Amino acid sequence: MIWLFLIGLISGVISGMGIGGGTILIPALTLIFNFEQKMAQNINLLYFIPTAIIAIFVHSKNKNIEKKGLFKIIIFGIIGAIIGSIIAINLKGEILRKIFGWFLLFMGISEMFKKGREQKNGTNEV
């Protein structure tokens, strides 16, 4: 039980940093606790709701939300979520696990190159 608490805490801290808690939560649930991939992703989606609400509140309070283009992002985000849900429902858990693993690998590599370009250009923005 303590492990679930620690994983939730670490995922929350990482979410607060803007990285996305699912990068910790989903692998931990599937690799450590042997949850099926679809179940881990469902838990991650439920976990995302309160953290997203808190993030919106904090960023709005700090005036970090640019309202120009916000409506388009919301609409296309909802459309993408619906399409992604339909795809995920129709895929086997093992295929979802591989897709998620490749996604994490791709994002990690792209972040390394992004960091290198930022340092080369003299900017260190996150």
N, C-alpha and C. Protein backbone atom coordinates (compact mmCIF):
# COMPACT_ATOMS: atom_id res chain seq x y z
N MET A 1 0.82 -1.20 0.00
CA MET A 1 0.00 0.00 0.00
C MET A 1 0.86 1.26 0.00
N ILE A 2 1.99 1.23 0.71
CA ILE A 2 2.88 2.38 0.75
C ILE A 2 3.45 2.68 -0.63
N TRP A 3 3.65 1.62 -1.43
CA TRP A 3 4.18 1.83 -2.78
C TRP A 3 3.20 2.61 -3.65
N LEU A 4 1.92 2.29 -3.52
CA LEU A 4 0.91 3.03 -4.28
C LEU A 4 0.91 4.50 -3.88
N PHE A 5 1.04 4.76 -2.59
CA PHE A 5 1.11 6.13 -2.09
C PHE A 5 2.32 6.85 -2.69
N LEU A 6 3.48 6.20 -2.65
CA LEU A 6 4.70 6.82 -3.17
C LEU A 6 4.63 7.07 -4.68
N ILE A 7 4.08 6.11 -5.41
CA ILE A 7 3.94 6.28 -6.86
C ILE A 7 2.99 7.43 -7.16
N GLY A 8 1.89 7.51 -6.43
CA GLY A 8 0.95 8.62 -6.60
C GLY A 8 1.59 9.95 -6.28
N LEU A 9 2.38 10.00 -5.21
CA LEU A 9 3.06 11.22 -4.81
C LEU A 9 4.08 11.66 -5.88
N ILE A 10 4.89 10.74 -6.33
CA ILE A 10 5.89 11.06 -7.35
C ILE A 10 5.21 11.50 -8.65
N SER A 11 4.16 10.81 -9.04
CA SER A 11 3.42 11.19 -10.25
C SER A 11 2.83 12.59 -10.10
N GLY A 12 2.32 12.90 -8.92
CA GLY A 12 1.77 14.24 -8.68
C GLY A 12 2.82 15.32 -8.76
N VAL A 13 3.97 15.08 -8.18
CA VAL A 13 5.06 16.06 -8.24
C VAL A 13 5.49 16.28 -9.68
N ILE A 14 5.63 15.19 -10.42
CA ILE A 14 6.04 15.30 -11.83
C ILE A 14 4.97 16.02 -12.64
N SER A 15 3.71 15.75 -12.36
CA SER A 15 2.63 16.46 -13.05
C SER A 15 2.70 17.95 -12.76
N GLY A 16 2.97 18.30 -11.52
CA GLY A 16 3.10 19.70 -11.15
C GLY A 16 4.23 20.40 -11.86
N MET A 17 5.24 19.64 -12.27
CA MET A 17 6.36 20.20 -13.00
C MET A 17 6.05 20.32 -14.50
N GLY A 18 4.91 19.78 -14.91
CA GLY A 18 4.50 19.88 -16.30
C GLY A 18 4.97 18.75 -17.19
N ILE A 19 5.49 17.70 -16.61
CA ILE A 19 6.03 16.59 -17.40
C ILE A 19 4.94 15.59 -17.74
N GLY A 20 4.05 15.34 -16.84
CA GLY A 20 2.99 14.36 -17.05
C GLY A 20 3.20 13.16 -16.16
N GLY A 21 2.34 13.00 -15.19
CA GLY A 21 2.47 11.92 -14.22
C GLY A 21 2.32 10.53 -14.80
N GLY A 22 1.67 10.44 -15.96
CA GLY A 22 1.48 9.14 -16.60
C GLY A 22 2.78 8.48 -17.00
N THR A 23 3.83 9.29 -17.17
CA THR A 23 5.14 8.73 -17.52
C THR A 23 5.70 7.89 -16.38
N ILE A 24 5.24 8.14 -15.17
CA ILE A 24 5.63 7.34 -14.01
C ILE A 24 4.52 6.36 -13.64
N LEU A 25 3.30 6.86 -13.62
CA LEU A 25 2.17 6.08 -13.13
C LEU A 25 1.90 4.82 -13.97
N ILE A 26 1.83 4.96 -15.27
CA ILE A 26 1.49 3.81 -16.12
C ILE A 26 2.57 2.72 -16.06
N PRO A 27 3.85 3.06 -16.26
CA PRO A 27 4.86 1.99 -16.14
C PRO A 27 4.90 1.35 -14.75
N ALA A 28 4.70 2.16 -13.70
CA ALA A 28 4.72 1.60 -12.35
C ALA A 28 3.56 0.62 -12.16
N LEU A 29 2.38 0.99 -12.61
CA LEU A 29 1.23 0.10 -12.45
C LEU A 29 1.37 -1.18 -13.26
N THR A 30 1.95 -1.08 -14.46
CA THR A 30 2.06 -2.27 -15.31
C THR A 30 3.26 -3.13 -14.93
N LEU A 31 4.38 -2.52 -14.61
CA LEU A 31 5.60 -3.29 -14.35
C LEU A 31 5.72 -3.77 -12.90
N ILE A 32 5.33 -2.94 -11.96
CA ILE A 32 5.47 -3.30 -10.54
C ILE A 32 4.25 -4.06 -10.03
N PHE A 33 3.06 -3.58 -10.39
CA PHE A 33 1.83 -4.16 -9.85
C PHE A 33 1.10 -5.06 -10.83
N ASN A 34 1.66 -5.28 -12.00
CA ASN A 34 1.12 -6.17 -13.02
C ASN A 34 -0.32 -5.85 -13.44
N PHE A 35 -0.66 -4.56 -13.46
CA PHE A 35 -1.95 -4.16 -13.99
C PHE A 35 -1.92 -4.34 -15.51
N GLU A 36 -3.07 -4.65 -16.09
CA GLU A 36 -3.16 -4.68 -17.54
C GLU A 36 -2.99 -3.25 -18.06
N GLN A 37 -2.47 -3.12 -19.27
CA GLN A 37 -2.20 -1.81 -19.84
C GLN A 37 -3.45 -0.94 -19.89
N LYS A 38 -4.56 -1.50 -20.32
CA LYS A 38 -5.79 -0.71 -20.41
C LYS A 38 -6.25 -0.22 -19.03
N MET A 39 -6.11 -1.06 -18.01
CA MET A 39 -6.49 -0.66 -16.66
C MET A 39 -5.58 0.47 -16.16
N ALA A 40 -4.28 0.35 -16.41
CA ALA A 40 -3.34 1.38 -15.99
C ALA A 40 -3.65 2.70 -16.69
N GLN A 41 -3.99 2.65 -17.96
CA GLN A 41 -4.32 3.86 -18.69
C GLN A 41 -5.63 4.47 -18.19
N ASN A 42 -6.60 3.62 -17.82
CA ASN A 42 -7.84 4.13 -17.25
C ASN A 42 -7.60 4.82 -15.91
N ILE A 43 -6.77 4.22 -15.08
CA ILE A 43 -6.42 4.83 -13.80
C ILE A 43 -5.73 6.16 -14.03
N ASN A 44 -4.83 6.20 -15.01
CA ASN A 44 -4.13 7.44 -15.33
C ASN A 44 -5.10 8.53 -15.77
N LEU A 45 -6.10 8.16 -16.55
CA LEU A 45 -7.09 9.16 -16.98
C LEU A 45 -7.88 9.70 -15.80
N LEU A 46 -8.25 8.84 -14.86
CA LEU A 46 -8.95 9.29 -13.66
C LEU A 46 -8.05 10.17 -12.80
N TYR A 47 -6.79 9.81 -12.71
CA TYR A 47 -5.80 10.56 -11.95
C TYR A 47 -5.59 11.94 -12.57
N PHE A 48 -5.70 12.00 -13.89
CA PHE A 48 -5.43 13.24 -14.62
C PHE A 48 -6.46 14.33 -14.32
N ILE A 49 -7.70 13.95 -14.08
CA ILE A 49 -8.77 14.95 -13.91
C ILE A 49 -8.48 15.91 -12.75
N PRO A 50 -8.25 15.43 -11.51
CA PRO A 50 -8.00 16.41 -10.44
C PRO A 50 -6.69 17.17 -10.62
N THR A 51 -5.66 16.52 -11.14
CA THR A 51 -4.40 17.24 -11.33
C THR A 51 -4.54 18.31 -12.40
N ALA A 52 -5.33 18.04 -13.44
CA ALA A 52 -5.56 19.04 -14.49
C ALA A 52 -6.34 20.22 -13.95
N ILE A 53 -7.35 19.95 -13.13
CA ILE A 53 -8.14 21.04 -12.54
C ILE A 53 -7.26 21.94 -11.68
N ILE A 54 -6.41 21.33 -10.87
CA ILE A 54 -5.51 22.11 -10.02
C ILE A 54 -4.53 22.91 -10.87
N ALA A 55 -3.99 22.27 -11.91
CA ALA A 55 -3.04 22.96 -12.79
C ALA A 55 -3.70 24.16 -13.49
N ILE A 56 -4.93 23.98 -13.96
CA ILE A 56 -5.64 25.09 -14.61
C ILE A 56 -5.83 26.23 -13.62
N PHE A 57 -6.23 25.91 -12.40
CA PHE A 57 -6.43 26.94 -11.38
C PHE A 57 -5.13 27.70 -11.10
N VAL A 58 -4.04 26.97 -10.88
CA VAL A 58 -2.76 27.60 -10.55
C VAL A 58 -2.24 28.44 -11.71
N HIS A 59 -2.29 27.89 -12.92
CA HIS A 59 -1.78 28.63 -14.08
C HIS A 59 -2.66 29.84 -14.40
N SER A 60 -3.95 29.71 -14.19
CA SER A 60 -4.84 30.85 -14.41
C SER A 60 -4.55 31.95 -13.39
N LYS A 61 -4.37 31.57 -12.14
CA LYS A 61 -4.07 32.52 -11.07
C LYS A 61 -2.75 33.26 -11.36
N ASN A 62 -1.78 32.53 -11.90
CA ASN A 62 -0.47 33.13 -12.21
C ASN A 62 -0.42 33.78 -13.59
N LYS A 63 -1.58 33.82 -14.27
CA LYS A 63 -1.70 34.44 -15.59
C LYS A 63 -0.74 33.81 -16.62
N ASN A 64 -0.64 32.49 -16.57
CA ASN A 64 0.21 31.74 -17.49
C ASN A 64 -0.56 31.13 -18.65
N ILE A 65 -1.85 31.42 -18.74
CA ILE A 65 -2.66 30.84 -19.80
C ILE A 65 -2.90 31.91 -20.86
N GLU A 66 -2.46 31.62 -22.05
CA GLU A 66 -2.67 32.54 -23.17
C GLU A 66 -4.03 32.21 -23.78
N LYS A 67 -4.92 33.15 -23.75
CA LYS A 67 -6.30 32.88 -24.16
C LYS A 67 -6.47 32.84 -25.68
N LYS A 68 -5.55 33.44 -26.42
CA LYS A 68 -5.64 33.42 -27.88
C LYS A 68 -5.41 31.98 -28.37
N GLY A 69 -6.34 31.45 -29.10
CA GLY A 69 -6.22 30.10 -29.63
C GLY A 69 -6.67 29.01 -28.66
N LEU A 70 -7.08 29.40 -27.46
CA LEU A 70 -7.46 28.42 -26.44
C LEU A 70 -8.66 27.58 -26.88
N PHE A 71 -9.65 28.22 -27.50
CA PHE A 71 -10.85 27.50 -27.94
C PHE A 71 -10.49 26.41 -28.95
N LYS A 72 -9.62 26.74 -29.90
CA LYS A 72 -9.21 25.76 -30.91
C LYS A 72 -8.48 24.58 -30.27
N ILE A 73 -7.63 24.87 -29.33
CA ILE A 73 -6.88 23.81 -28.65
C ILE A 73 -7.85 22.89 -27.90
N ILE A 74 -8.82 23.47 -27.22
CA ILE A 74 -9.79 22.67 -26.47
C ILE A 74 -10.60 21.79 -27.42
N ILE A 75 -11.12 22.37 -28.49
CA ILE A 75 -11.95 21.61 -29.44
C ILE A 75 -11.15 20.46 -30.06
N PHE A 76 -9.95 20.77 -30.58
CA PHE A 76 -9.17 19.72 -31.22
C PHE A 76 -8.63 18.71 -30.20
N GLY A 77 -8.40 19.15 -28.97
CA GLY A 77 -8.02 18.21 -27.91
C GLY A 77 -9.12 17.22 -27.60
N ILE A 78 -10.35 17.71 -27.56
CA ILE A 78 -11.49 16.82 -27.32
C ILE A 78 -11.65 15.84 -28.48
N ILE A 79 -11.54 16.35 -29.70
CA ILE A 79 -11.65 15.47 -30.88
C ILE A 79 -10.55 14.41 -30.84
N GLY A 80 -9.32 14.82 -30.53
CA GLY A 80 -8.21 13.87 -30.44
C GLY A 80 -8.42 12.84 -29.34
N ALA A 81 -8.97 13.28 -28.21
CA ALA A 81 -9.23 12.35 -27.10
C ALA A 81 -10.28 11.31 -27.49
N ILE A 82 -11.30 11.74 -28.21
CA ILE A 82 -12.33 10.81 -28.65
C ILE A 82 -11.75 9.79 -29.63
N ILE A 83 -10.99 10.28 -30.60
CA ILE A 83 -10.37 9.38 -31.59
C ILE A 83 -9.40 8.42 -30.89
N GLY A 84 -8.57 8.95 -29.98
CA GLY A 84 -7.64 8.10 -29.25
C GLY A 84 -8.33 7.05 -28.40
N SER A 85 -9.45 7.43 -27.79
CA SER A 85 -10.21 6.47 -26.98
C SER A 85 -10.77 5.34 -27.83
N ILE A 86 -11.29 5.70 -28.99
CA ILE A 86 -11.84 4.69 -29.89
C ILE A 86 -10.74 3.72 -30.34
N ILE A 87 -9.59 4.27 -30.67
CA ILE A 87 -8.46 3.42 -31.09
C ILE A 87 -8.03 2.52 -29.93
N ALA A 88 -7.87 3.10 -28.73
CA ALA A 88 -7.40 2.33 -27.57
C ALA A 88 -8.36 1.21 -27.20
N ILE A 89 -9.65 1.46 -27.31
CA ILE A 89 -10.64 0.43 -26.98
C ILE A 89 -10.51 -0.77 -27.91
N ASN A 90 -10.15 -0.51 -29.14
CA ASN A 90 -10.10 -1.57 -30.15
C ASN A 90 -8.74 -2.24 -30.29
N LEU A 91 -7.75 -1.80 -29.53
CA LEU A 91 -6.43 -2.42 -29.57
C LEU A 91 -6.24 -3.35 -28.39
N LYS A 92 -5.42 -4.36 -28.58
CA LYS A 92 -5.06 -5.26 -27.48
C LYS A 92 -4.11 -4.52 -26.53
N GLY A 93 -4.17 -4.91 -25.26
CA GLY A 93 -3.33 -4.27 -24.24
C GLY A 93 -1.85 -4.34 -24.55
N GLU A 94 -1.40 -5.45 -25.11
CA GLU A 94 0.02 -5.60 -25.44
C GLU A 94 0.46 -4.59 -26.50
N ILE A 95 -0.41 -4.36 -27.47
CA ILE A 95 -0.09 -3.37 -28.52
C ILE A 95 -0.05 -1.97 -27.91
N LEU A 96 -1.01 -1.66 -27.02
CA LEU A 96 -1.01 -0.36 -26.35
C LEU A 96 0.27 -0.16 -25.54
N ARG A 97 0.70 -1.22 -24.87
CA ARG A 97 1.93 -1.14 -24.07
C ARG A 97 3.13 -0.81 -24.95
N LYS A 98 3.22 -1.45 -26.10
CA LYS A 98 4.33 -1.18 -27.02
C LYS A 98 4.26 0.24 -27.58
N ILE A 99 3.07 0.68 -27.95
CA ILE A 99 2.91 2.04 -28.47
C ILE A 99 3.32 3.05 -27.40
N PHE A 100 2.88 2.83 -26.15
CA PHE A 100 3.23 3.74 -25.06
C PHE A 100 4.73 3.74 -24.81
N GLY A 101 5.35 2.57 -24.85
CA GLY A 101 6.80 2.49 -24.66
C GLY A 101 7.55 3.24 -25.75
N TRP A 102 7.16 3.06 -26.99
CA TRP A 102 7.80 3.79 -28.10
C TRP A 102 7.56 5.29 -27.97
N PHE A 103 6.37 5.66 -27.52
CA PHE A 103 6.07 7.08 -27.32
C PHE A 103 6.99 7.69 -26.27
N LEU A 104 7.15 7.00 -25.14
CA LEU A 104 8.05 7.50 -24.09
C LEU A 104 9.48 7.59 -24.59
N LEU A 105 9.93 6.60 -25.34
CA LEU A 105 11.27 6.63 -25.90
C LEU A 105 11.44 7.82 -26.84
N PHE A 106 10.49 8.00 -27.74
CA PHE A 106 10.54 9.12 -28.68
C PHE A 106 10.56 10.46 -27.95
N MET A 107 9.69 10.61 -26.94
CA MET A 107 9.63 11.87 -26.20
C MET A 107 10.93 12.13 -25.43
N GLY A 108 11.50 11.09 -24.86
CA GLY A 108 12.77 11.25 -24.15
C GLY A 108 13.88 11.69 -25.08
N ILE A 109 13.97 11.05 -26.23
CA ILE A 109 15.01 11.41 -27.20
C ILE A 109 14.79 12.83 -27.71
N SER A 110 13.53 13.18 -28.02
CA SER A 110 13.28 14.53 -28.53
C SER A 110 13.59 15.59 -27.47
N GLU A 111 13.34 15.29 -26.20
CA GLU A 111 13.68 16.23 -25.13
C GLU A 111 15.18 16.41 -25.00
N MET A 112 15.95 15.33 -25.19
CA MET A 112 17.41 15.45 -25.12
C MET A 112 17.91 16.37 -26.23
N PHE A 113 17.39 16.19 -27.44
CA PHE A 113 17.82 17.04 -28.56
C PHE A 113 17.33 18.47 -28.37
N LYS A 114 16.14 18.64 -27.83
CA LYS A 114 15.60 19.97 -27.56
C LYS A 114 16.49 20.70 -26.56
N LYS A 115 16.89 20.01 -25.52
CA LYS A 115 17.75 20.60 -24.50
C LYS A 115 19.09 21.00 -25.10
N GLY A 116 19.61 20.15 -25.98
CA GLY A 116 20.88 20.47 -26.64
C GLY A 116 20.76 21.70 -27.53
N ARG A 117 19.66 21.83 -28.27
CA ARG A 117 19.45 23.00 -29.13
C ARG A 117 19.30 24.26 -28.29
N GLU A 118 18.59 24.17 -27.16
CA GLU A 118 18.40 25.33 -26.30
C GLU A 118 19.73 25.81 -25.73
N GLN A 119 20.57 24.88 -25.31
CA GLN A 119 21.87 25.26 -24.77
C GLN A 119 22.75 25.85 -25.85
N LYS A 120 22.67 25.32 -27.06
CA LYS A 120 23.46 25.83 -28.18
C LYS A 120 23.03 27.25 -28.55
N ASN A 121 21.71 27.52 -28.48
CA ASN A 121 21.18 28.84 -28.79
C ASN A 121 21.27 29.80 -27.63
N GLY A 122 21.64 29.31 -26.47
CA GLY A 122 21.80 30.17 -25.30
C GLY A 122 20.50 30.41 -24.53
N THR A 123 19.47 29.62 -24.80
CA THR A 123 18.23 29.73 -24.04
C THR A 123 18.04 28.49 -23.20
N ASN A 124 17.54 28.70 -22.02
CA ASN A 124 17.29 27.58 -21.10
C ASN A 124 15.85 27.56 -20.65
N GLU A 125 14.93 27.94 -21.50
CA GLU A 125 13.52 27.96 -21.13
C GLU A 125 12.99 26.53 -21.07
N VAL A 126 12.08 26.34 -20.15
CA VAL A 126 11.46 25.03 -20.00
C VAL A 126 10.08 25.06 -20.59
